[in-house]
C-alpha atoms as a PDB file:
ATOM      1  CA  MET A   1     -46.529  56.909   9.308  1.00  0.00           C
ATOM      2  CA  SER A   2     -42.913  55.786   8.441  1.00  0.00           C
ATOM      3  CA  SER A   3     -41.563  54.974   5.061  1.00  0.00           C
ATOM      4  CA  PRO A   4     -40.017  51.587   4.759  1.00  0.00           C
ATOM      5  CA  ILE A   5     -37.501  53.300   2.650  1.00  0.00           C
ATOM      6  CA  ASP A   6     -36.130  55.055   5.421  1.00  0.00           C
ATOM      7  CA  LYS A   7     -35.073  51.902   7.272  1.00  0.00           C
ATOM      8  CA  PRO A   8     -31.474  50.344   7.084  1.00  0.00           C
ATOM      9  CA  GLN A   9     -31.482  46.621   5.715  1.00  0.00           C
ATOM     10  CA  GLN A  10     -31.023  44.070   8.177  1.00  0.00           C
ATOM     11  CA  LEU A  11     -31.100  40.423   7.774  1.00  0.00           C
ATOM     12  CA  THR A  12     -32.946  39.279  10.699  1.00  0.00           C
ATOM     13  CA  HIS A  13     -32.601  35.538   9.775  1.00  0.00           C
ATOM     14  CA  LEU A  14     -28.799  35.439  10.249  1.00  0.00           C
ATOM     15  CA  ASP A  15     -26.876  35.650  12.846  1.00  0.00           C
ATOM     16  CA  GLU A  16     -23.283  37.252  13.566  1.00  0.00           C
ATOM     17  CA  GLN A  17     -21.516  34.141  11.681  1.00  0.00           C
ATOM     18  CA  GLY A  18     -23.756  34.238   9.170  1.00  0.00           C
ATOM     19  CA  ASN A  19     -25.863  31.263   9.739  1.00  0.00           C
ATOM     20  CA  ILE A  20     -29.702  30.908   9.403  1.00  0.00           C
ATOM     21  CA  HIS A  21     -31.530  30.840  12.569  1.00  0.00           C
ATOM     22  CA  MET A  22     -35.394  31.422  13.744  1.00  0.00           C
ATOM     23  CA  VAL A  23     -35.642  35.520  15.368  1.00  0.00           C
ATOM     24  CA  ASP A  24     -35.707  35.050  18.925  1.00  0.00           C
ATOM     25  CA  VAL A  25     -38.945  37.030  20.177  1.00  0.00           C
ATOM     26  CA  THR A  26     -38.934  35.629  23.783  1.00  0.00           C
ATOM     27  CA  THR A  27     -38.419  38.897  25.086  1.00  0.00           C
ATOM     28  CA  ARG A  28     -40.424  41.267  23.183  1.00  0.00           C
ATOM     29  CA  PRO A  29     -43.737  42.366  24.596  1.00  0.00           C
ATOM     30  CA  ASP A  30     -47.168  41.145  23.056  1.00  0.00           C
ATOM     31  CA  THR A  31     -49.012  44.042  21.437  1.00  0.00           C
ATOM     32  CA  MET A  32     -51.643  44.443  19.109  1.00  0.00           C
ATOM     33  CA  ARG A  33     -50.310  43.745  15.592  1.00  0.00           C
ATOM     34  CA  GLU A  34     -52.300  44.133  12.349  1.00  0.00           C
ATOM     35  CA  ALA A  35     -51.480  43.718   8.535  1.00  0.00           C
ATOM     36  CA  ILE A  36     -53.227  44.486   5.611  1.00  0.00           C
ATOM     37  CA  ALA A  37     -52.448  42.640   1.947  1.00  0.00           C
ATOM     38  CA  LYS A  38     -53.613  43.468  -1.387  1.00  0.00           C
ATOM     39  CA  GLY A  39     -53.531  41.621  -4.582  1.00  0.00           C
ATOM     40  CA  ARG A  40     -55.244  41.357  -8.010  1.00  0.00           C
ATOM     41  CA  ILE A  41     -56.227  38.451 -10.118  1.00  0.00           C
ATOM     42  CA  ARG A  42     -57.153  39.111 -14.146  1.00  0.00           C
ATOM     43  CA  MET A  43     -59.274  37.676 -16.300  1.00  0.00           C
ATOM     44  CA  GLN A  44     -61.321  37.810 -19.197  1.00  0.00           C
ATOM     45  CA  PRO A  45     -64.486  40.179 -18.479  1.00  0.00           C
ATOM     46  CA  GLU A  46     -67.047  37.284 -18.701  1.00  0.00           C
ATOM     47  CA  THR A  47     -65.362  35.234 -16.337  1.00  0.00           C
ATOM     48  CA  VAL A  48     -65.716  37.948 -13.513  1.00  0.00           C
ATOM     49  CA  ARG A  49     -69.234  38.140 -14.316  1.00  0.00           C
ATOM     50  CA  LEU A  50     -69.875  34.513 -13.963  1.00  0.00           C
ATOM     51  CA  ILE A  51     -68.042  34.541 -10.567  1.00  0.00           C
ATOM     52  CA  GLU A  52     -70.159  37.700  -9.674  1.00  0.00           C
ATOM     53  CA  HIS A  53     -73.385  35.668 -10.598  1.00  0.00           C
ATOM     54  CA  ASN A  54     -72.208  32.881  -8.866  1.00  0.00           C
ATOM     55  CA  GLN A  55     -72.486  30.543 -12.295  1.00  0.00           C
ATOM     56  CA  VAL A  56     -68.891  28.891 -12.004  1.00  0.00           C
ATOM     57  CA  SER A  57     -69.785  24.940 -12.142  1.00  0.00           C
ATOM     58  CA  LYS A  58     -67.449  24.302  -9.445  1.00  0.00           C
ATOM     59  CA  GLY A  59     -69.277  26.155  -6.932  1.00  0.00           C
ATOM     60  CA  SER A  60     -69.117  29.610  -4.960  1.00  0.00           C
ATOM     61  CA  VAL A  61     -65.832  30.926  -6.193  1.00  0.00           C
ATOM     62  CA  LEU A  62     -65.443  33.861  -3.636  1.00  0.00           C
ATOM     63  CA  GLU A  63     -66.367  31.776  -0.750  1.00  0.00           C
ATOM     64  CA  THR A  64     -64.328  28.845  -1.583  1.00  0.00           C
ATOM     65  CA  ALA A  65     -61.100  31.461  -1.975  1.00  0.00           C
ATOM     66  CA  LYS A  66     -62.367  33.044   1.481  1.00  0.00           C
ATOM     67  CA  ILE A  67     -62.284  30.001   2.995  1.00  0.00           C
ATOM     68  CA  ALA A  68     -59.010  28.693   1.558  1.00  0.00           C
ATOM     69  CA  GLY A  69     -56.877  32.337   2.404  1.00  0.00           C
ATOM     70  CA  ILE A  70     -58.119  32.167   6.177  1.00  0.00           C
ATOM     71  CA  MET A  71     -56.680  28.436   6.172  1.00  0.00           C
ATOM     72  CA  ALA A  72     -53.624  29.384   4.676  1.00  0.00           C
ATOM     73  CA  ALA A  73     -53.017  32.272   7.024  1.00  0.00           C
ATOM     74  CA  LYS A  74     -53.286  29.832   9.925  1.00  0.00           C
ATOM     75  CA  GLN A  75     -50.714  27.724   7.936  1.00  0.00           C
ATOM     76  CA  THR A  76     -48.072  29.995   7.338  1.00  0.00           C
ATOM     77  CA  PRO A  77     -45.834  28.793   9.671  1.00  0.00           C
ATOM     78  CA  GLN A  78     -45.887  25.211   7.569  1.00  0.00           C
ATOM     79  CA  LEU A  79     -44.889  27.141   4.296  1.00  0.00           C
ATOM     80  CA  ILE A  80     -42.715  29.459   4.816  1.00  0.00           C
ATOM     81  CA  PRO A  81     -39.391  28.487   6.980  1.00  0.00           C
ATOM     82  CA  LEU A  82     -38.389  30.255  10.001  1.00  0.00           C
ATOM     83  CA  CYS A  83     -42.115  31.828   9.982  1.00  0.00           C
ATOM     84  CA  HIS A  84     -43.521  32.075  13.930  1.00  0.00           C
ATOM     85  CA  PRO A  85     -46.473  30.127  14.654  1.00  0.00           C
ATOM     86  CA  LEU A  86     -48.673  32.903  15.823  1.00  0.00           C
ATOM     87  CA  PRO A  87     -52.108  32.942  17.666  1.00  0.00           C
ATOM     88  CA  MET A  88     -53.884  34.346  15.317  1.00  0.00           C
ATOM     89  CA  THR A  89     -57.067  36.531  16.360  1.00  0.00           C
ATOM     90  CA  HIS A  90     -58.532  37.790  13.351  1.00  0.00           C
ATOM     91  CA  ILE A  91     -58.354  37.096   9.363  1.00  0.00           C
ATOM     92  CA  ASP A  92     -60.921  38.017   7.019  1.00  0.00           C
ATOM     93  CA  LEU A  93     -60.577  38.768   3.097  1.00  0.00           C
ATOM     94  CA  HIS A  94     -62.811  40.944   0.991  1.00  0.00           C
ATOM     95  CA  PHE A  95     -63.134  40.799  -2.858  1.00  0.00           C
ATOM     96  CA  LEU A  96     -63.939  43.597  -5.326  1.00  0.00           C
ATOM     97  CA  LEU A  97     -65.103  42.583  -8.610  1.00  0.00           C
ATOM     98  CA  ASP A  98     -64.704  44.500 -11.663  1.00  0.00           C
ATOM     99  CA  SER A  99     -66.091  42.983 -15.054  1.00  0.00           C
ATOM    100  CA  GLU A 100     -65.370  45.626 -17.268  1.00  0.00           C
ATOM    101  CA  GLN A 101     -61.575  45.695 -16.282  1.00  0.00           C
ATOM    102  CA  GLY A 102     -61.701  41.782 -16.186  1.00  0.00           C
ATOM    103  CA  CYS A 103     -60.012  41.610 -12.574  1.00  0.00           C
ATOM    104  CA  ILE A 104     -60.744  40.913  -9.041  1.00  0.00           C
ATOM    105  CA  SER A 105     -59.192  42.854  -6.111  1.00  0.00           C
ATOM    106  CA  ILE A 106     -58.602  40.809  -2.938  1.00  0.00           C
ATOM    107  CA  GLU A 107     -57.835  42.288   0.444  1.00  0.00           C
ATOM    108  CA  GLY A 108     -56.760  40.425   3.384  1.00  0.00           C
ATOM    109  CA  ARG A 109     -56.505  41.284   7.127  1.00  0.00           C
ATOM    110  CA  THR A 110     -54.956  39.800   9.661  1.00  0.00           C
ATOM    111  CA  ARG A 111     -54.290  40.209  13.538  1.00  0.00           C
ATOM    112  CA  THR A 112     -52.929  39.013  16.600  1.00  0.00           C
ATOM    113  CA  THR A 113     -51.789  40.095  20.159  1.00  0.00           C
ATOM    114  CA  TYR A 114     -48.358  38.667  19.938  1.00  0.00           C
ATOM    115  CA  LYS A 115     -44.711  39.586  19.920  1.00  0.00           C
ATOM    116  CA  THR A 116     -44.239  39.467  16.117  1.00  0.00           C
ATOM    117  CA  GLY A 117     -46.155  40.826  13.304  1.00  0.00           C
ATOM    118  CA  VAL A 118     -48.698  38.955  10.839  1.00  0.00           C
ATOM    119  CA  ASP A 119     -47.717  40.457   7.337  1.00  0.00           C
ATOM    120  CA  VAL A 120     -46.687  37.309   6.147  1.00  0.00           C
ATOM    121  CA  GLU A 121     -49.933  35.759   7.181  1.00  0.00           C
ATOM    122  CA  ALA A 122     -52.142  38.594   5.416  1.00  0.00           C
ATOM    123  CA  LEU A 123     -50.109  38.162   2.214  1.00  0.00           C
ATOM    124  CA  THR A 124     -50.415  34.226   2.451  1.00  0.00           C
ATOM    125  CA  ALA A 125     -54.007  34.581   2.680  1.00  0.00           C
ATOM    126  CA  VAL A 126     -54.071  36.961  -0.128  1.00  0.00           C
ATOM    127  CA  THR A 127     -51.985  34.572  -2.594  1.00  0.00           C
ATOM    128  CA  VAL A 128     -53.943  31.440  -1.937  1.00  0.00           C
ATOM    129  CA  ALA A 129     -57.468  33.226  -2.355  1.00  0.00           C
ATOM    130  CA  ALA A 130     -56.174  34.503  -5.982  1.00  0.00           C
ATOM    131  CA  LEU A 131     -54.770  30.739  -6.235  1.00  0.00           C
ATOM    132  CA  THR A 132     -57.999  29.343  -5.334  1.00  0.00           C
ATOM    133  CA  ILE A 133     -60.004  31.622  -7.837  1.00  0.00           C
ATOM    134  CA  TYR A 134     -57.291  30.591 -10.735  1.00  0.00           C
ATOM    135  CA  ASP A 135     -58.118  26.745  -9.481  1.00  0.00           C
ATOM    136  CA  MET A 136     -61.832  27.075  -9.803  1.00  0.00           C
ATOM    137  CA  CYS A 137     -61.992  29.008 -12.990  1.00  0.00           C
ATOM    138  CA  LYS A 138     -58.882  27.967 -15.028  1.00  0.00           C
ATOM    139  CA  GLY A 139     -61.091  25.441 -16.999  1.00  0.00           C
ATOM    140  CA  LEU A 140     -63.309  28.314 -18.245  1.00  0.00           C
ATOM    141  CA  ASP A 141     -60.423  30.962 -18.992  1.00  0.00           C
ATOM    142  CA  THR A 142     -56.794  30.170 -19.957  1.00  0.00           C
ATOM    143  CA  THR A 143     -55.873  33.806 -19.880  1.00  0.00           C
ATOM    144  CA  ILE A 144     -55.927  34.264 -15.568  1.00  0.00           C
ATOM    145  CA  THR A 145     -53.276  36.043 -14.200  1.00  0.00           C
ATOM    146  CA  LEU A 146     -52.272  36.784 -10.666  1.00  0.00           C
ATOM    147  CA  GLU A 147     -50.792  40.194 -10.234  1.00  0.00           C
ATOM    148  CA  GLN A 148     -49.477  42.690  -7.329  1.00  0.00           C
ATOM    149  CA  ALA A 149     -49.741  40.887  -4.356  1.00  0.00           C
ATOM    150  CA  TYR A 150     -48.145  42.940  -1.474  1.00  0.00           C
ATOM    151  CA  VAL A 151     -48.225  44.096   1.896  1.00  0.00           C
ATOM    152  CA  ALA A 152     -50.130  47.446   2.061  1.00  0.00           C
ATOM    153  CA  GLN A 153     -50.033  48.466   5.776  1.00  0.00           C
ATOM    154  CA  LYS A 154     -48.860  46.819   8.842  1.00  0.00           C
ATOM    155  CA  SER A 155     -48.971  47.977  12.434  1.00  0.00           C
ATOM    156  CA  GLY A 156     -47.975  47.270  15.961  1.00  0.00           C
ATOM    157  CA  GLY A 157     -44.664  46.362  17.540  1.00  0.00           C
ATOM    158  CA  LYS A 158     -41.765  48.828  17.827  1.00  0.00           C
ATOM    159  CA  SER A 159     -42.334  50.213  13.967  1.00  0.00           C
ATOM    160  CA  GLY A 160     -45.610  51.470  14.631  1.00  0.00           C
ATOM    161  CA  THR A 161     -47.973  51.875  11.582  1.00  0.00           C
ATOM    162  CA  VAL A 162     -45.849  51.796   8.247  1.00  0.00           C
ATOM    163  CA  SER A 163     -47.823  51.678   4.843  1.00  0.00           C
ATOM    164  CA  PHE A 164     -46.350  50.621   1.274  1.00  0.00           C
ATOM    165  CA  THR A 165     -47.859  51.326  -1.927  1.00  0.00           C
ATOM    166  CA  PRO A 166     -46.798  48.862  -5.222  1.00  0.00           C
ATOM    167  CA  GLU A 167     -44.561  51.807  -6.522  1.00  0.00           C
ATOM    168  CA  GLN A 168     -42.528  51.706  -3.264  1.00  0.00           C
ATOM    169  CA  ARG A 169     -42.153  47.680  -4.014  1.00  0.00           C
ATOM    170  CA  SER A 170     -40.483  47.992  -7.141  1.00  0.00           C
END
């Protein structure tokens, strides 16, 4: 596995004259590409317990957040300028609740067999899932904070598999 720090900085959305453009991926081969993004949302421990026991009056918070994250990943090109529309072959989200610490960890996985990666889609899934949790619980808890959303791993294409930690991002 290589490190993102070892790679030279390239602004791929700028042409030779400095004009913004969408990266041309026409000649790239289709390959299996996968990305894992992670994030965390912090709140009062009691709020996590209410979510865990499905006692939030707005409904099943985690099921709603999962659906929202999946839908958002599929809509990434409509949200992020110059992002390629991708034929998504897999999108999934998992939640790990920690009522003692008052946080929910979110992991999103995306997959395609296409010419470009799905890391932005995975990150979109995680952040929209976190926003959905916030929206469904904001009436119960004014301390909710979205934290630490990052791409943890991506694979496929010429870069192979690359893993990241939050520390590498700072």
